[in-house]
């Protein structure tokens, strides 16, 4: 077995120095090719037409406010469900925000829109979530009546979630996919917090959350930087929910940058760039922008792997602004300031990663690295995943000073000894399905 793995490794090194072979799943390539900038534009246009989607805005007006907006989103999900053979269902998750809570001045009914595409394998309990927030705001966070179009923040994210549901509704993934549109983000992450808490208490096996927020503008403010070829992904390093004892174990093996959220971010980068041309996914190794937050955070705090996807250069002239013109500059979050080709690429990256995850087998179990023997070798062993049909496994490697995985070695065995020092390399194991779709990586425990 030892000689066999040396041979495979030498093949990997030789081919990497000569050329890079990119293999795309034809089914996922088809989904990506069908992502439509016009469809995304149409969704954003409709969302803007509700005037405001402020969390505390009217829920009784049929054409204005967050109530009308969430009913429209629900109707779109249900329309997509007609092509799913009954597997895509959608409902409102409702509760009441109480006066006295942060940025809540009176009791108000609130709702998340939740569409669930049930997996085809009854033995597969995994859930993958793609999310965005429906609510919008102007400069005054408590003004529920002023126009707050929220085209980019976060009409772009809602359009991405709806586009994913449109294209994936007829798919037959073994795992379950949830298309989630939450409310209350601007007031205090209320919708995401409620959903994440319910999922934790119900022991829902959420494997990954792709949260999309403000991702459709390619022109930054002040610096005027323009870039429609890169998108940022924020990921937590050492999660806040870890106990001191758990955190000490993580630091003991130097895995501060290998938590579940960070692994998901790396997975999104590799998979998104595999399927979407002219797009670089830039990994930002912090939970969110400096001293700011988003809907992925409540998931992270409840122990789920969650990342935030957002545009490369934010434009603050068109974010959290009243619609007005001052000194020749037009302010307001209007659709005319968006780049829908850029949004198309960012949406396609989401769909590629989501489909790859949902098609792949579950991750390997009990991944371990043996500490016996000299540190110049790495002895790895693992068990087969609980769900999915497995063709084999990838052993991932990177030098300790590198942020991304550098090598992949394929094997059909459940253990391997590599002539690479466990002092100088990080390792992880992925399960690989029959169509080549990879699970999330799992780092070994000693």
Protein backbone atom coordinates (compact mmCIF):
# COMPACT_ATOMS: atom_id res chain seq x y z
CA UNK A 1 0.00 0.00 0.00
CA UNK A 2 2.85 2.37 0.83
CA UNK A 3 4.41 2.09 -2.64
CA UNK A 4 1.06 2.55 -4.26
CA UNK A 5 0.48 5.89 -2.56
CA UNK A 6 3.94 7.16 -3.39
CA UNK A 7 3.17 6.39 -7.03
CA UNK A 8 -0.15 8.21 -6.90
CA UNK A 9 1.48 11.18 -5.24
CA UNK A 10 4.19 11.37 -7.88
CA UNK A 11 1.49 11.39 -10.54
CA UNK A 12 -0.20 14.29 -8.79
CA UNK A 13 2.98 16.33 -8.63
CA UNK A 14 3.94 15.58 -12.24
CA UNK A 15 0.55 16.48 -13.66
CA UNK A 16 0.36 19.67 -11.57
CA UNK A 17 3.64 20.87 -13.05
CA UNK A 18 2.48 20.15 -16.60
CA UNK A 19 -1.16 21.15 -16.70
CA UNK A 20 -4.28 21.45 -14.61
CA UNK A 21 -7.21 19.22 -15.54
CA UNK A 22 -10.62 20.56 -14.55
CA UNK A 23 -13.44 18.02 -14.51
CA UNK A 24 -16.98 19.38 -14.36
CA UNK A 25 -20.11 17.43 -13.54
CA UNK A 26 -22.35 17.85 -16.66
CA UNK A 27 -25.48 18.21 -14.52
CA UNK A 28 -23.98 21.03 -12.46
CA UNK A 29 -22.57 22.67 -15.61
CA UNK A 30 -26.08 22.75 -17.00
CA UNK A 31 -27.44 24.47 -13.90
CA UNK A 32 -24.67 27.06 -14.07
CA UNK A 33 -25.22 27.75 -17.77
CA UNK A 34 -28.91 28.45 -17.15
CA UNK A 35 -28.39 31.16 -14.53
CA UNK A 36 -29.96 34.24 -16.11
CA UNK A 37 -28.99 37.87 -15.55
CA UNK A 38 -32.42 38.83 -16.92
CA UNK A 39 -34.17 36.56 -14.41
CA UNK A 40 -32.16 38.09 -11.58
CA UNK A 41 -32.94 41.61 -12.82
CA UNK A 42 -36.65 40.80 -12.99
CA UNK A 43 -36.66 39.57 -9.38
CA UNK A 44 -34.85 42.66 -8.10
CA UNK A 45 -37.22 44.90 -10.05
CA UNK A 46 -40.23 43.24 -8.42
CA UNK A 47 -38.74 43.50 -4.94
CA UNK A 48 -38.05 47.21 -5.43
CA UNK A 49 -41.67 47.73 -6.49
CA UNK A 50 -42.87 47.09 -2.91
CA UNK A 51 -41.54 50.53 -1.96
CA UNK A 52 -40.08 49.42 1.34
CA UNK A 53 -39.44 46.02 2.88
CA UNK A 54 -38.59 47.38 6.30
CA UNK A 55 -39.03 44.70 8.97
CA UNK A 56 -41.65 46.84 10.78
CA UNK A 57 -43.48 47.95 7.63
CA UNK A 58 -47.06 47.03 6.82
CA UNK A 59 -48.10 43.39 6.54
CA UNK A 60 -51.68 44.14 5.45
CA UNK A 61 -51.15 46.15 2.24
CA UNK A 62 -51.34 43.88 -0.83
CA UNK A 63 -48.86 45.92 -2.83
CA UNK A 64 -46.50 47.59 -0.39
CA UNK A 65 -44.31 46.63 2.54
CA UNK A 66 -42.68 43.49 3.80
CA UNK A 67 -45.93 41.55 4.06
CA UNK A 68 -46.62 41.88 0.34
CA UNK A 69 -42.98 41.12 -0.47
CA UNK A 70 -42.85 37.90 1.56
CA UNK A 71 -46.15 36.72 0.09
CA UNK A 72 -44.72 37.25 -3.39
CA UNK A 73 -41.53 35.33 -2.54
CA UNK A 74 -43.66 32.52 -1.11
CA UNK A 75 -45.73 32.40 -4.31
CA UNK A 76 -42.57 32.14 -6.41
CA UNK A 77 -41.27 29.22 -4.36
CA UNK A 78 -44.62 27.47 -4.71
CA UNK A 79 -44.61 28.07 -8.44
CA UNK A 80 -41.18 26.42 -8.69
CA UNK A 81 -42.51 23.56 -6.59
CA UNK A 82 -44.84 22.53 -9.41
CA UNK A 83 -41.85 21.11 -11.29
CA UNK A 84 -40.49 19.19 -8.32
CA UNK A 85 -42.85 16.25 -8.18
CA UNK A 86 -44.06 17.42 -4.79
CA UNK A 87 -40.60 17.52 -3.20
CA UNK A 88 -40.30 21.33 -3.02
CA UNK A 89 -42.67 22.81 -0.47
CA UNK A 90 -42.76 26.36 0.91
CA UNK A 91 -44.27 28.00 3.98
CA UNK A 92 -43.95 31.00 6.25
CA UNK A 93 -42.17 30.56 9.57
CA UNK A 94 -43.95 33.14 11.72
CA UNK A 95 -43.55 34.58 15.24
CA UNK A 96 -43.92 37.93 17.00
CA UNK A 97 -41.19 40.43 17.75
CA UNK A 98 -41.89 42.03 21.11
CA UNK A 99 -41.64 45.76 21.81
CA UNK A 100 -38.56 46.59 23.83
CA UNK A 101 -36.23 44.35 21.90
CA UNK A 102 -33.39 46.13 20.10
CA UNK A 103 -34.77 48.37 17.33
CA UNK A 104 -38.33 47.09 17.95
CA UNK A 105 -40.71 49.81 19.18
CA UNK A 106 -43.95 47.81 19.12
CA UNK A 107 -45.12 44.21 18.82
CA UNK A 108 -44.85 43.11 15.21
CA UNK A 109 -45.57 39.91 13.31
CA UNK A 110 -42.53 38.68 11.44
CA UNK A 111 -41.93 35.76 9.08
CA UNK A 112 -39.19 33.88 7.28
CA UNK A 113 -39.99 32.30 3.92
CA UNK A 114 -38.75 28.71 3.92
CA UNK A 115 -38.73 26.46 0.85
CA UNK A 116 -37.55 22.87 1.37
CA UNK A 117 -36.42 20.59 -1.45
CA UNK A 118 -36.62 17.15 0.16
CA UNK A 119 -33.73 14.80 -0.54
CA UNK A 120 -34.40 11.55 -2.36
CA UNK A 121 -32.46 9.32 0.05
CA UNK A 122 -34.48 8.56 3.22
CA UNK A 123 -31.24 7.55 4.96
CA UNK A 124 -29.59 10.90 4.24
CA UNK A 125 -30.51 13.47 6.91
CA UNK A 126 -28.11 16.19 5.74
CA UNK A 127 -29.44 19.69 5.04
CA UNK A 128 -27.79 22.44 3.00
CA UNK A 129 -29.06 26.03 3.20
CA UNK A 130 -28.81 28.99 0.85
CA UNK A 131 -30.06 32.21 2.42
CA UNK A 132 -30.60 35.96 2.08
CA UNK A 133 -32.59 38.64 3.91
CA UNK A 134 -35.78 40.19 2.58
CA UNK A 135 -35.92 43.35 4.70
CA UNK A 136 -34.54 46.71 3.61
CA UNK A 137 -33.87 50.05 5.29
CA UNK A 138 -33.07 53.70 4.61
CA UNK A 139 -30.83 55.96 6.70
CA UNK A 140 -33.12 56.02 9.75
CA UNK A 141 -33.24 52.39 10.91
CA UNK A 142 -36.66 52.96 12.54
CA UNK A 143 -38.37 54.65 9.56
CA UNK A 144 -40.76 51.99 8.26
CA UNK A 145 -42.61 54.26 5.80
CA UNK A 146 -39.93 55.94 3.68
CA UNK A 147 -39.00 54.32 0.36
CA UNK A 148 -36.23 51.79 0.95
CA UNK A 149 -35.84 49.90 -2.35
CA UNK A 150 -33.07 47.59 -1.13
CA UNK A 151 -32.15 46.57 -4.67
CA UNK A 152 -28.68 45.35 -3.78
CA UNK A 153 -29.05 45.09 0.02
CA UNK A 154 -30.43 42.53 -0.10
CA UNK A 155 -32.51 42.20 -3.25
CA UNK A 156 -29.41 40.72 -4.84
CA UNK A 157 -29.29 37.94 -2.25
CA UNK A 158 -33.02 37.18 -2.47
CA UNK A 159 -32.74 37.05 -6.27
CA UNK A 160 -29.88 34.55 -5.89
CA UNK A 161 -31.93 32.30 -3.58
CA UNK A 162 -34.95 32.41 -5.90
CA UNK A 163 -32.80 31.71 -8.95
CA UNK A 164 -31.28 28.71 -7.18
CA UNK A 165 -34.76 27.41 -6.37
CA UNK A 166 -35.91 27.95 -9.96
CA UNK A 167 -33.02 25.97 -11.41
CA UNK A 168 -32.72 23.22 -8.79
CA UNK A 169 -36.39 22.53 -8.04
CA UNK A 170 -36.57 19.55 -10.40
CA UNK A 171 -33.23 18.08 -9.28
CA UNK A 172 -33.01 14.82 -7.38
CA UNK A 173 -30.31 15.32 -4.80
CA UNK A 174 -29.99 12.66 -2.08
CA UNK A 175 -29.63 15.42 0.56
CA UNK A 176 -32.16 18.14 1.41
CA UNK A 177 -31.74 21.75 0.29
CA UNK A 178 -33.44 24.68 2.04
CA UNK A 179 -33.96 27.99 0.25
CA UNK A 180 -34.28 30.51 3.07
CA UNK A 181 -35.38 34.16 2.88
CA UNK A 182 -35.28 35.71 6.36
CA UNK A 183 -36.60 38.97 7.80
CA UNK A 184 -35.26 41.24 10.50
CA UNK A 185 -31.60 41.35 9.46
CA UNK A 186 -31.32 45.12 9.56
CA UNK A 187 -33.04 45.34 12.96
CA UNK A 188 -30.77 42.74 14.55
CA UNK A 189 -30.48 39.41 12.67
CA UNK A 190 -33.84 38.34 14.12
CA UNK A 191 -34.95 36.03 11.31
CA UNK A 192 -31.69 34.14 11.00
CA UNK A 193 -31.40 33.90 14.77
CA UNK A 194 -34.89 32.41 15.07
CA UNK A 195 -34.33 29.87 12.28
CA UNK A 196 -30.88 28.84 13.54
CA UNK A 197 -32.12 28.40 17.10
CA UNK A 198 -35.05 26.27 15.95
CA UNK A 199 -32.72 24.16 13.81
CA UNK A 200 -30.36 23.65 16.75
CA UNK A 201 -33.14 22.70 19.14
CA UNK A 202 -34.66 20.30 16.59
CA UNK A 203 -31.23 18.75 15.95
CA UNK A 204 -31.48 19.53 12.22
CA UNK A 205 -28.31 18.31 10.54
CA UNK A 206 -27.37 21.53 8.74
CA UNK A 207 -24.04 20.85 7.06
CA UNK A 208 -23.55 24.22 5.36
CA UNK A 209 -25.13 27.67 5.06
CA UNK A 210 -24.35 29.94 2.11
CA UNK A 211 -25.56 33.39 3.16
CA UNK A 212 -25.76 35.99 0.39
CA UNK A 213 -25.90 39.66 1.31
CA UNK A 214 -25.16 42.70 -0.88
CA UNK A 215 -23.49 40.96 -3.80
CA UNK A 216 -24.69 42.68 -6.96
CA UNK A 217 -22.65 45.86 -7.37
CA UNK A 218 -19.22 45.91 -8.99
CA UNK A 219 -18.40 49.60 -8.37
CA UNK A 220 -17.19 50.72 -4.94
CA UNK A 221 -17.83 54.18 -3.48
CA UNK A 222 -15.16 56.79 -2.68
CA UNK A 223 -12.30 54.77 -4.19
CA UNK A 224 -14.34 54.12 -7.38
CA UNK A 225 -12.80 50.67 -7.63
CA UNK A 226 -14.61 48.56 -10.22
CA UNK A 227 -14.33 44.78 -10.17
CA UNK A 228 -16.79 42.22 -11.48
CA UNK A 229 -14.32 39.33 -11.44
CA UNK A 230 -13.94 38.86 -7.68
CA UNK A 231 -16.32 38.22 -4.80
CA UNK A 232 -15.57 38.00 -1.06
CA UNK A 233 -16.42 35.09 1.22
CA UNK A 234 -16.12 35.68 4.97
CA UNK A 235 -15.61 32.74 7.33
CA UNK A 236 -15.14 32.30 11.06
CA UNK A 237 -11.90 30.83 12.35
CA UNK A 238 -12.32 29.82 16.00
CA UNK A 239 -16.09 29.79 16.59
CA UNK A 240 -17.51 31.68 19.55
CA UNK A 241 -19.63 28.70 20.65
CA UNK A 242 -16.55 26.59 21.44
CA UNK A 243 -15.95 25.98 25.12
CA UNK A 244 -12.55 26.83 26.58
CA UNK A 245 -11.70 23.13 26.63
CA UNK A 246 -12.68 22.66 22.98
CA UNK A 247 -10.78 25.78 21.97
CA UNK A 248 -7.68 24.51 23.77
CA UNK A 249 -7.86 21.26 21.78
CA UNK A 250 -8.16 23.19 18.52
CA UNK A 251 -5.15 25.33 19.38
CA UNK A 252 -3.28 22.22 20.49
CA UNK A 253 -3.28 20.87 16.92
CA UNK A 254 -2.95 24.28 15.27
CA UNK A 255 -6.37 24.05 13.63
CA UNK A 256 -7.55 27.60 14.30
CA UNK A 257 -7.97 28.08 10.54
CA UNK A 258 -9.60 24.71 9.90
CA UNK A 259 -13.01 25.02 11.53
CA UNK A 260 -16.18 24.04 9.72
CA UNK A 261 -16.88 27.53 8.37
CA UNK A 262 -13.34 27.93 7.04
CA UNK A 263 -13.53 24.52 5.32
CA UNK A 264 -16.84 25.53 3.73
CA UNK A 265 -15.25 28.75 2.45
CA UNK A 266 -12.40 26.81 0.84
CA UNK A 267 -14.92 24.40 -0.67
CA UNK A 268 -16.93 27.28 -2.13
CA UNK A 269 -13.80 28.78 -3.65
CA UNK A 270 -12.65 25.56 -5.28
CA UNK A 271 -16.07 24.53 -6.56
CA UNK A 272 -17.24 27.97 -7.63
CA UNK A 273 -14.09 28.69 -9.59
CA UNK A 274 -14.29 25.24 -11.19
CA UNK A 275 -17.65 26.01 -12.78
CA UNK A 276 -17.77 29.79 -13.21
CA UNK A 277 -15.39 31.45 -15.63
CA UNK A 278 -13.84 34.86 -14.94
CA UNK A 279 -14.61 34.76 -11.23
CA UNK A 280 -12.16 34.62 -8.35
CA UNK A 281 -13.59 33.81 -4.93
CA UNK A 282 -11.54 35.76 -2.41
CA UNK A 283 -11.50 34.21 1.07
CA UNK A 284 -11.52 36.72 3.91
CA UNK A 285 -10.35 35.02 7.10
CA UNK A 286 -12.67 36.76 9.55
CA UNK A 287 -16.33 36.18 10.35
CA UNK A 288 -17.53 39.40 8.72
CA UNK A 289 -16.48 42.91 7.80
CA UNK A 290 -14.81 44.93 10.56
CA UNK A 291 -17.22 45.40 13.50
CA UNK A 292 -20.20 44.43 11.32
CA UNK A 293 -22.43 41.39 11.13
CA UNK A 294 -24.70 39.30 8.96
CA UNK A 295 -27.21 36.47 8.98
CA UNK A 296 -24.57 33.74 8.89
CA UNK A 297 -23.43 34.63 12.42
CA UNK A 298 -26.40 33.11 14.31
CA UNK A 299 -25.76 29.85 12.46
CA UNK A 300 -22.07 29.93 13.37
CA UNK A 301 -22.97 30.63 17.00
CA UNK A 302 -25.25 27.58 17.01
CA UNK A 303 -22.47 25.33 15.75
CA UNK A 304 -23.30 25.23 12.02
CA UNK A 305 -20.86 25.88 9.16
CA UNK A 306 -21.90 29.21 7.64
CA UNK A 307 -20.23 31.84 5.46
CA UNK A 308 -21.12 35.28 4.14
CA UNK A 309 -20.86 36.00 0.40
CA UNK A 310 -20.65 39.67 -0.54
CA UNK A 311 -19.37 41.91 -3.32
CA UNK A 312 -15.70 42.84 -3.55
CA UNK A 313 -16.13 46.61 -3.17
CA UNK A 314 -19.17 47.87 -1.28
CA UNK A 315 -20.79 51.10 -2.40
CA UNK A 316 -21.95 53.09 0.62
CA UNK A 317 -23.64 55.72 -1.57
CA UNK A 318 -26.21 53.04 -2.35
CA UNK A 319 -26.42 51.22 0.98
CA UNK A 320 -28.57 52.34 3.95
CA UNK A 321 -29.25 55.69 2.24
CA UNK A 322 -32.38 57.78 1.65
CA UNK A 323 -33.04 58.35 -2.05
CA UNK A 324 -31.69 61.84 -2.79
CA UNK A 325 -29.08 63.80 -4.72
CA UNK A 326 -26.44 65.94 -3.00
CA UNK A 327 -23.48 67.77 -4.57
CA UNK A 328 -24.07 65.97 -7.84
CA UNK A 329 -24.04 62.48 -6.26
CA UNK A 330 -27.15 60.31 -6.38
CA UNK A 331 -27.81 58.25 -3.26
CA UNK A 332 -30.08 55.28 -2.66
CA UNK A 333 -30.09 51.51 -3.16
CA UNK A 334 -31.58 51.49 -6.67
CA UNK A 335 -31.41 48.72 -9.25
CA UNK A 336 -29.79 51.00 -11.85
CA UNK A 337 -26.61 50.93 -9.79
CA UNK A 338 -26.34 47.14 -9.94
CA UNK A 339 -24.26 44.95 -12.26
CA UNK A 340 -26.45 41.97 -13.18
CA UNK A 341 -23.75 40.13 -15.10
CA UNK A 342 -21.66 40.25 -11.92
CA UNK A 343 -24.65 39.01 -9.92
CA UNK A 344 -25.11 36.20 -12.45
CA UNK A 345 -21.59 34.93 -11.82
CA UNK A 346 -21.93 35.17 -8.05
CA UNK A 347 -25.24 33.33 -8.20
CA UNK A 348 -23.73 30.64 -10.41
CA UNK A 349 -20.93 30.05 -7.88
CA UNK A 350 -23.55 29.54 -5.17
CA UNK A 351 -25.47 27.05 -7.27
CA UNK A 352 -22.35 25.12 -8.25
CA UNK A 353 -21.26 24.68 -4.63
CA UNK A 354 -24.78 23.92 -3.40
CA UNK A 355 -25.42 21.27 -6.05
CA UNK A 356 -22.00 19.69 -5.56
CA UNK A 357 -22.61 19.42 -1.82
CA UNK A 358 -26.11 18.02 -2.19
CA UNK A 359 -25.02 15.42 -4.76
CA UNK A 360 -21.95 14.30 -2.81
CA UNK A 361 -21.92 11.58 -0.18
CA UNK A 362 -21.71 12.56 3.47
CA UNK A 363 -18.30 13.34 4.93
CA UNK A 364 -16.05 10.51 6.23
CA UNK A 365 -16.43 9.50 9.87
CA UNK A 366 -13.84 9.30 12.66
CA UNK A 367 -10.94 10.77 10.70
CA UNK A 368 -7.76 10.27 12.70
CA UNK A 369 -4.02 10.84 12.48
CA UNK A 370 -1.76 8.40 14.34
CA UNK A 371 0.78 10.03 16.66
CA UNK A 372 2.83 6.87 17.06
CA UNK A 373 6.08 6.66 15.14
CA UNK A 374 8.29 9.40 13.69
CA UNK A 375 6.69 12.75 12.78
CA UNK A 376 8.24 12.58 9.32
CA UNK A 377 5.26 10.43 8.23
CA UNK A 378 1.51 10.96 8.38
CA UNK A 379 -0.63 7.90 9.11
CA UNK A 380 -4.30 8.65 8.41
CA UNK A 381 -7.37 6.46 8.87
CA UNK A 382 -11.12 7.01 8.65
CA UNK A 383 -14.47 5.26 8.32
CA UNK A 384 -16.98 5.37 5.48
CA UNK A 385 -19.69 8.06 5.62
CA UNK A 386 -23.14 7.28 6.93
CA UNK A 387 -24.93 8.28 3.71
CA UNK A 388 -24.25 8.31 -0.01
CA UNK A 389 -22.56 6.08 -2.57
CA UNK A 390 -18.79 6.41 -2.32
CA UNK A 391 -16.34 5.89 -5.18
CA UNK A 392 -13.33 6.73 -3.04
CA UNK A 393 -11.68 9.46 -1.02
CA UNK A 394 -9.47 12.47 -1.51
CA UNK A 395 -6.61 13.09 0.87
CA UNK A 396 -6.07 16.86 0.95
CA UNK A 397 -2.69 18.37 1.81
CA UNK A 398 -1.28 21.82 2.34
CA UNK A 399 1.87 23.16 3.94
CA UNK A 400 1.22 24.75 7.32
CA UNK A 401 1.87 28.27 6.02
CA UNK A 402 -0.49 27.91 3.04
CA UNK A 403 -4.14 29.08 3.23
CA UNK A 404 -5.50 26.67 0.60
CA UNK A 405 -5.27 22.95 -0.10
CA UNK A 406 -2.39 22.28 -2.48
CA UNK A 407 -2.71 18.60 -3.39
CA UNK A 408 -5.39 15.94 -3.71
CA UNK A 409 -4.60 12.23 -3.65
CA UNK A 410 -7.31 9.75 -4.57
CA UNK A 411 -7.66 6.38 -2.86
CA UNK A 412 -10.30 3.71 -2.40
CA UNK A 413 -8.80 2.58 0.91
CA UNK A 414 -9.71 3.70 4.41
CA UNK A 415 -6.16 4.38 5.57
CA UNK A 416 -2.91 5.67 4.16
CA UNK A 417 0.66 6.39 5.22
CA UNK A 418 2.25 9.38 3.52
CA UNK A 419 5.93 10.40 3.56
CA UNK A 420 5.01 13.94 4.58
CA UNK A 421 5.65 15.33 8.03
CA UNK A 422 2.64 15.96 10.23
CA UNK A 423 4.68 18.85 11.63
CA UNK A 424 4.84 20.59 8.25
CA UNK A 425 1.50 19.76 6.63
CA UNK A 426 -2.21 19.94 7.34
CA UNK A 427 -4.35 17.07 6.08
CA UNK A 428 -8.05 16.43 5.50
CA UNK A 429 -10.22 13.70 4.00
CA UNK A 430 -13.13 14.06 1.57
CA UNK A 431 -15.57 11.39 0.42
CA UNK A 432 -16.03 11.27 -3.37
CA UNK A 433 -19.28 10.16 -4.99
CA UNK A 434 -19.81 8.13 -8.14
CA UNK A 435 -20.11 11.32 -10.25
CA UNK A 436 -16.99 12.85 -8.69
CA UNK A 437 -18.82 15.17 -6.28
CA UNK A 438 -16.85 15.78 -3.08
CA UNK A 439 -18.06 16.07 0.50
CA UNK A 440 -16.85 18.76 2.83
CA UNK A 441 -13.32 18.01 4.11
CA UNK A 442 -12.75 16.63 7.59
CA UNK A 443 -9.46 17.29 9.38
CA UNK A 444 -8.03 14.41 11.42
CA UNK A 445 -8.00 14.32 15.19
CA UNK A 446 -5.06 12.78 17.02
